[in-house]
Amino acid sequence: MRNIVENHVEEFLEILRYDKSHWGEFWSKTTNKYKFFKEIEEKLGEINFDSVERRELDKLLNDFREFAKENKDNVTTKIRKNAKELELNKEDFIVFLGVYPKDFDWIVVDFNGNYILFYNVYSLWKKGKLSKLSEAVYQAIIHFRNGEMNGIYYDKDELFDKLLDKLEKESKDDPVKYMRKICQYLYDEIPYYDWVGFYMINKDNVLELFEFVGEPTEHVKINIGEGICGQAAMLKDVFIVQDVSKETNYLSCSPKVKSEIVVPIFKNKEVIGELDIDSHYITPFDERDRKFLEKVCEDIPKIWDEKLLEER
């Protein structure tokens, strides 16, 4: 399998060896080595080197060298862990780590049938997120595999903390409204949460759809043990499915759904329901999603009443 990530950051930063009056000349010579770069410049516009400070690029170079020293091969390792789901065997793209002194994170260009995902390390560094490079590249690949050709990095840790703070301020006096707001907030603010809903156990010991946001589903009732949701309830455990097409017991809701995470909700050690998330992205979830969603569900047992299902 060929190298999936090519690191050209220091090659671009050799610009620092030259007087600033020659930066434009160096840039043209360097980028001309890569024929796909012309399309990137056409889409993003030329760089105004008069507005780029030498000390800024010096700092980027030093910071990147420190990062590379401590994180050798981390970017590639994270990607290869999910090689099957990301279809790396197709060898239809590479990640090109480079520097482009403009405010954008990543862009994909089609070069003779092969895709180049150009990741702008400069932009990530400017945001103070260089330490998240491995995660940022992995995130870009997930979005690329969903058909997106450019994007901006979002920090999951910050996103989750912000949402937990937001939910903490919400009134829980009306359980229905509170659970609806959970669904709405998660759906609106987490880019890869494409369906969010609560299934609660009814008097017949069946999972019944309660509040949700996203496309309507035919699965309004699910037996314990049936599908991913039913298994999570039966085994009393979180289920993370990074590729639903590989699951024999998956209840298909939409061909757009690629992955799913189901978090059971407990009261007195018994499952009373669960929070179900569908995503249109392959392998987007990690342990942080699990911990975040468990935290989101913490107050549900305190406010839940089975009669709420009967009143609908």
Protein backbone atom coordinates (compact mmCIF):
# COMPACT_ATOMS: atom_id res chain seq x y z
CA MET A 1 0.00 0.00 0.00
CA ARG A 2 1.42 3.39 -0.97
CA ASN A 3 2.03 6.23 1.47
CA ILE A 4 -1.29 7.84 2.25
CA VAL A 5 0.23 11.02 3.77
CA GLU A 6 2.97 13.11 2.16
CA ASN A 7 4.61 15.71 4.38
CA HIS A 8 5.78 18.76 2.39
CA VAL A 9 5.59 21.34 5.18
CA GLU A 10 9.32 21.95 5.57
CA GLU A 11 9.77 21.98 1.79
CA PHE A 12 7.36 24.92 1.57
CA LEU A 13 8.99 26.64 4.53
CA GLU A 14 12.37 26.67 2.80
CA ILE A 15 11.04 30.01 1.62
CA LEU A 16 12.63 31.35 4.82
CA ARG A 17 16.09 30.88 3.31
CA TYR A 18 15.41 33.69 0.86
CA ASP A 19 15.06 37.41 1.07
CA LYS A 20 11.40 38.37 1.18
CA SER A 21 11.71 40.07 -2.21
CA HIS A 22 12.27 36.59 -3.71
CA TRP A 23 9.44 34.78 -1.92
CA GLY A 24 7.12 34.98 -4.90
CA GLU A 25 9.79 33.49 -7.15
CA PHE A 26 10.50 30.66 -4.69
CA TRP A 27 6.79 29.94 -4.32
CA SER A 28 6.26 29.66 -8.08
CA LYS A 29 9.26 27.36 -8.46
CA THR A 30 8.11 25.11 -5.62
CA THR A 31 4.44 24.87 -6.55
CA ASN A 32 5.24 24.31 -10.24
CA LYS A 33 6.68 20.92 -9.24
CA TYR A 34 3.13 19.82 -8.42
CA LYS A 35 0.83 20.17 -11.40
CA PHE A 36 -2.32 19.94 -9.29
CA PHE A 37 -1.31 23.09 -7.42
CA LYS A 38 -2.46 25.34 -10.22
CA GLU A 39 -6.06 24.32 -9.54
CA ILE A 40 -5.66 25.07 -5.83
CA GLU A 41 -4.37 28.56 -6.61
CA GLU A 42 -7.22 29.14 -9.06
CA LYS A 43 -9.75 28.25 -6.38
CA LEU A 44 -8.12 30.05 -3.46
CA GLY A 45 -6.39 32.96 -5.13
CA GLU A 46 -2.74 33.96 -5.13
CA ILE A 47 -0.90 34.71 -1.91
CA ASN A 48 -0.01 38.30 -1.03
CA PHE A 49 3.42 37.78 0.50
CA ASP A 50 3.59 41.43 1.57
CA SER A 51 1.09 40.53 4.30
CA VAL A 52 3.02 37.44 5.47
CA GLU A 53 5.58 38.05 8.22
CA ARG A 54 8.88 36.18 8.32
CA ARG A 55 8.72 35.78 12.11
CA GLU A 56 5.32 34.14 11.73
CA LEU A 57 6.65 31.48 9.36
CA ASP A 58 9.74 31.05 11.55
CA LYS A 59 7.48 30.27 14.49
CA LEU A 60 5.42 27.85 12.39
CA LEU A 61 8.58 26.02 11.30
CA ASN A 62 9.86 25.66 14.87
CA ASP A 63 6.49 24.54 16.18
CA PHE A 64 6.04 22.03 13.38
CA ARG A 65 9.47 20.52 13.96
CA GLU A 66 8.65 20.07 17.63
CA PHE A 67 5.31 18.50 16.75
CA ALA A 68 6.88 16.16 14.17
CA LYS A 69 9.55 15.06 16.65
CA GLU A 70 6.95 13.99 19.21
CA ASN A 71 4.29 12.69 16.80
CA LYS A 72 6.22 10.79 14.15
CA ASP A 73 3.85 8.72 11.98
CA ASN A 74 0.84 9.52 14.22
CA VAL A 75 -1.11 11.02 11.32
CA THR A 76 -0.73 7.91 9.17
CA THR A 77 -1.30 5.52 12.07
CA LYS A 78 -4.68 7.00 12.92
CA ILE A 79 -5.83 6.70 9.31
CA ARG A 80 -4.60 3.13 8.82
CA LYS A 81 -6.45 1.94 11.94
CA ASN A 82 -9.64 2.29 9.90
CA ALA A 83 -8.17 1.31 6.53
CA LYS A 84 -11.05 -1.00 5.62
CA GLU A 85 -13.82 1.49 6.43
CA LEU A 86 -11.98 4.32 4.66
CA GLU A 87 -11.37 2.06 1.63
CA LEU A 88 -7.66 2.77 1.52
CA ASN A 89 -7.22 -0.24 -0.76
CA LYS A 90 -8.74 1.84 -3.57
CA GLU A 91 -5.63 4.05 -3.48
CA ASP A 92 -7.65 6.86 -5.00
CA PHE A 93 -6.34 9.73 -2.88
CA ILE A 94 -3.36 11.02 -0.94
CA VAL A 95 -3.08 13.61 1.81
CA PHE A 96 -0.62 16.38 0.97
CA LEU A 97 0.52 18.31 4.05
CA GLY A 98 1.61 21.76 2.98
CA VAL A 99 1.63 25.46 3.77
CA TYR A 100 -0.63 28.04 2.15
CA PRO A 101 -0.68 31.37 4.02
CA LYS A 102 -4.44 31.84 3.82
CA ASP A 103 -7.38 31.11 6.08
CA PHE A 104 -8.62 27.72 4.89
CA ASP A 105 -8.01 24.24 6.29
CA TRP A 106 -8.33 21.70 3.51
CA ILE A 107 -9.35 21.32 -0.11
CA VAL A 108 -9.53 18.37 -2.51
CA VAL A 109 -8.60 18.53 -6.19
CA ASP A 110 -9.14 15.84 -8.80
CA PHE A 111 -5.86 15.27 -10.62
CA ASN A 112 -6.18 12.80 -13.51
CA GLY A 113 -8.57 10.58 -11.61
CA ASN A 114 -6.60 10.69 -8.37
CA TYR A 115 -7.63 12.97 -5.54
CA ILE A 116 -5.20 15.21 -3.70
CA LEU A 117 -6.41 16.26 -0.25
CA PHE A 118 -4.29 19.33 0.47
CA TYR A 119 -4.16 20.05 4.21
CA ASN A 120 -3.07 23.56 5.10
CA VAL A 121 -0.93 23.19 8.22
CA TYR A 122 -0.53 26.97 8.33
CA SER A 123 -4.25 27.52 8.95
CA LEU A 124 -4.43 24.85 11.67
CA TRP A 125 -1.38 26.34 13.37
CA LYS A 126 -2.86 29.86 13.26
CA LYS A 127 -5.84 28.53 15.22
CA GLY A 128 -3.54 27.10 17.86
CA LYS A 129 -4.54 23.56 16.86
CA LEU A 130 -1.31 22.13 15.46
CA SER A 131 -1.32 19.47 18.19
CA LYS A 132 -4.60 18.20 16.69
CA LEU A 133 -3.13 17.62 13.22
CA SER A 134 -3.67 13.84 13.26
CA GLU A 135 -7.30 14.27 14.25
CA ALA A 136 -7.79 17.12 11.77
CA VAL A 137 -6.48 15.11 8.81
CA TYR A 138 -8.56 12.08 9.79
CA GLN A 139 -11.63 14.31 10.05
CA ALA A 140 -10.98 15.75 6.59
CA ILE A 141 -10.76 12.24 5.11
CA ILE A 142 -14.09 11.28 6.69
CA HIS A 143 -15.73 14.33 5.13
CA PHE A 144 -14.01 13.70 1.80
CA ARG A 145 -15.35 10.14 1.77
CA ASN A 146 -18.79 11.69 2.19
CA GLY A 147 -18.32 13.66 -1.04
CA GLU A 148 -17.14 16.98 0.43
CA MET A 149 -14.32 18.75 -1.37
CA ASN A 150 -13.27 21.33 1.22
CA GLY A 151 -13.82 22.02 4.86
CA ILE A 152 -12.94 23.64 8.16
CA TYR A 153 -11.62 21.73 11.17
CA TYR A 154 -13.88 21.52 14.21
CA ASP A 155 -12.46 20.55 17.60
CA LYS A 156 -14.68 17.79 19.02
CA ASP A 157 -13.53 18.38 22.59
CA GLU A 158 -14.46 22.07 22.45
CA LEU A 159 -17.70 21.32 20.63
CA PHE A 160 -18.80 18.76 23.21
CA ASP A 161 -17.87 20.99 26.17
CA LYS A 162 -19.81 23.88 24.66
CA LEU A 163 -22.91 21.73 24.17
CA LEU A 164 -22.77 20.31 27.70
CA ASP A 165 -22.60 23.86 29.08
CA LYS A 166 -25.56 24.82 26.90
CA LEU A 167 -27.66 21.87 28.07
CA GLU A 168 -26.75 22.50 31.69
CA LYS A 169 -28.47 25.89 31.47
CA GLU A 170 -31.68 24.44 30.03
CA SER A 171 -34.70 23.90 32.25
CA LYS A 172 -35.56 20.27 32.92
CA ASP A 173 -39.02 20.98 34.33
CA ASP A 174 -40.64 19.75 31.12
CA PRO A 175 -38.99 16.41 30.18
CA VAL A 176 -40.44 16.42 26.66
CA LYS A 177 -39.11 19.88 25.84
CA TYR A 178 -35.73 19.09 27.39
CA MET A 179 -35.31 15.86 25.45
CA ARG A 180 -36.41 17.59 22.26
CA LYS A 181 -33.79 20.29 22.83
CA ILE A 182 -31.10 17.67 23.30
CA CYS A 183 -31.99 16.18 19.93
CA GLN A 184 -32.10 19.59 18.25
CA TYR A 185 -28.82 20.86 19.70
CA LEU A 186 -26.91 17.71 18.80
CA TYR A 187 -28.39 17.58 15.31
CA ASP A 188 -27.74 21.27 14.62
CA GLU A 189 -24.26 21.62 16.07
CA ILE A 190 -22.41 18.36 15.50
CA PRO A 191 -21.64 18.07 11.78
CA TYR A 192 -21.71 14.28 11.60
CA TYR A 193 -24.83 13.68 13.74
CA ASP A 194 -27.45 13.29 11.00
CA TRP A 195 -30.28 11.74 13.02
CA VAL A 196 -30.70 12.08 16.78
CA GLY A 197 -33.46 10.41 18.75
CA PHE A 198 -34.56 8.83 22.01
CA TYR A 199 -36.03 5.36 22.15
CA MET A 200 -37.67 4.69 25.52
CA ILE A 201 -38.91 1.36 26.87
CA ASN A 202 -42.71 1.22 27.07
CA LYS A 203 -45.02 -0.85 29.29
CA ASP A 204 -44.71 -3.77 26.86
CA ASN A 205 -40.91 -3.79 27.29
CA VAL A 206 -40.42 -2.55 23.72
CA LEU A 207 -38.23 0.36 22.62
CA GLU A 208 -40.56 3.09 21.38
CA LEU A 209 -39.49 6.18 19.48
CA PHE A 210 -39.88 9.35 21.54
CA GLU A 211 -38.36 12.73 20.66
CA PHE A 212 -36.12 12.85 17.57
CA VAL A 213 -34.72 15.22 14.95
CA GLY A 214 -33.95 14.09 11.42
CA GLU A 215 -35.75 12.20 8.70
CA PRO A 216 -38.83 10.21 9.79
CA THR A 217 -38.17 6.53 10.43
CA GLU A 218 -40.38 3.49 10.00
CA HIS A 219 -38.79 1.95 13.09
CA VAL A 220 -41.05 3.50 15.71
CA LYS A 221 -40.96 0.34 17.85
CA ILE A 222 -38.00 -2.01 18.24
CA ASN A 223 -37.97 -5.27 20.16
CA ILE A 224 -35.22 -5.84 22.72
CA GLY A 225 -32.40 -7.68 20.97
CA GLU A 226 -33.45 -6.53 17.50
CA GLY A 227 -31.05 -4.37 15.49
CA ILE A 228 -28.30 -2.22 16.96
CA CYS A 229 -30.72 -0.42 19.29
CA GLY A 230 -32.24 -3.65 20.55
CA GLN A 231 -28.83 -5.23 21.14
CA ALA A 232 -27.62 -2.22 23.10
CA ALA A 233 -30.68 -2.46 25.35
CA MET A 234 -30.35 -6.22 25.78
CA LEU A 235 -26.61 -6.19 26.53
CA LYS A 236 -26.80 -2.95 28.55
CA ASP A 237 -23.84 -1.53 26.72
CA VAL A 238 -22.92 1.27 24.32
CA PHE A 239 -22.78 0.13 20.70
CA ILE A 240 -20.52 1.95 18.25
CA VAL A 241 -20.89 0.75 14.66
CA GLN A 242 -18.45 2.49 12.33
CA ASP A 243 -19.83 0.84 9.18
CA VAL A 244 -23.43 -0.39 9.33
CA SER A 245 -23.06 -2.28 6.05
CA LYS A 246 -20.94 -4.83 7.91
CA GLU A 247 -23.66 -5.54 10.52
CA THR A 248 -25.97 -8.50 9.89
CA ASN A 249 -28.43 -7.39 12.59
CA TYR A 250 -28.75 -3.79 11.40
CA LEU A 251 -32.23 -2.30 10.87
CA SER A 252 -31.84 -0.09 7.81
CA CYS A 253 -33.54 3.30 8.08
CA SER A 254 -31.97 5.08 5.12
CA PRO A 255 -29.28 4.21 2.54
CA LYS A 256 -27.57 7.44 3.57
CA VAL A 257 -26.79 6.11 7.06
CA LYS A 258 -23.22 4.81 7.24
CA SER A 259 -22.60 4.52 11.00
CA GLU A 260 -24.41 4.54 14.32
CA ILE A 261 -23.84 4.95 18.05
CA VAL A 262 -26.39 3.87 20.66
CA VAL A 263 -26.09 4.84 24.33
CA PRO A 264 -28.35 3.08 26.86
CA ILE A 265 -29.99 5.13 29.62
CA PHE A 266 -30.06 3.50 33.07
CA LYS A 267 -32.20 3.87 36.17
CA ASN A 268 -31.46 1.60 39.14
CA LYS A 269 -29.13 -0.38 36.86
CA GLU A 270 -31.95 -1.18 34.44
CA VAL A 271 -32.21 0.17 30.88
CA ILE A 272 -35.13 2.59 30.53
CA GLY A 273 -34.26 3.84 27.07
CA GLU A 274 -31.41 4.98 24.87
CA LEU A 275 -30.06 7.81 22.78
CA ASP A 276 -29.52 6.82 19.16
CA ILE A 277 -27.31 8.70 16.68
CA ASP A 278 -27.12 7.95 12.95
CA SER A 279 -24.39 9.41 10.77
CA HIS A 280 -23.96 9.71 7.02
CA TYR A 281 -20.21 9.43 7.56
CA ILE A 282 -18.05 6.31 7.73
CA THR A 283 -16.20 5.71 11.03
CA PRO A 284 -16.72 9.16 12.60
CA PHE A 285 -17.18 8.12 16.24
CA ASP A 286 -14.60 7.62 18.97
CA GLU A 287 -14.46 7.28 22.74
CA ARG A 288 -15.15 11.00 23.16
CA ASP A 289 -18.56 10.60 21.53
CA ARG A 290 -19.37 7.83 23.97
CA LYS A 291 -18.38 9.85 27.04
CA PHE A 292 -20.14 12.95 25.74
CA LEU A 293 -23.42 11.16 25.02
CA GLU A 294 -23.34 9.35 28.36
CA LYS A 295 -22.98 12.76 30.00
CA VAL A 296 -25.87 14.13 27.91
CA CYS A 297 -28.10 11.31 29.17
CA GLU A 298 -27.24 11.69 32.86
CA ASP A 299 -30.32 13.72 33.80
CA ILE A 300 -32.86 11.70 31.80
CA PRO A 301 -33.48 9.05 34.52
CA LYS A 302 -34.24 11.84 37.02
CA ILE A 303 -36.99 13.37 34.88
CA TRP A 304 -38.34 10.40 32.93
CA ASP A 305 -41.82 8.94 33.50
CA GLU A 306 -43.13 6.05 31.41
CA LYS A 307 -46.50 7.81 31.26
CA LEU A 308 -44.93 10.32 28.86
CA LEU A 309 -45.04 7.65 26.16
CA GLU A 310 -48.70 6.90 26.83
CA GLU A 311 -49.64 10.57 26.66
CA ARG A 312 -48.28 11.03 23.14
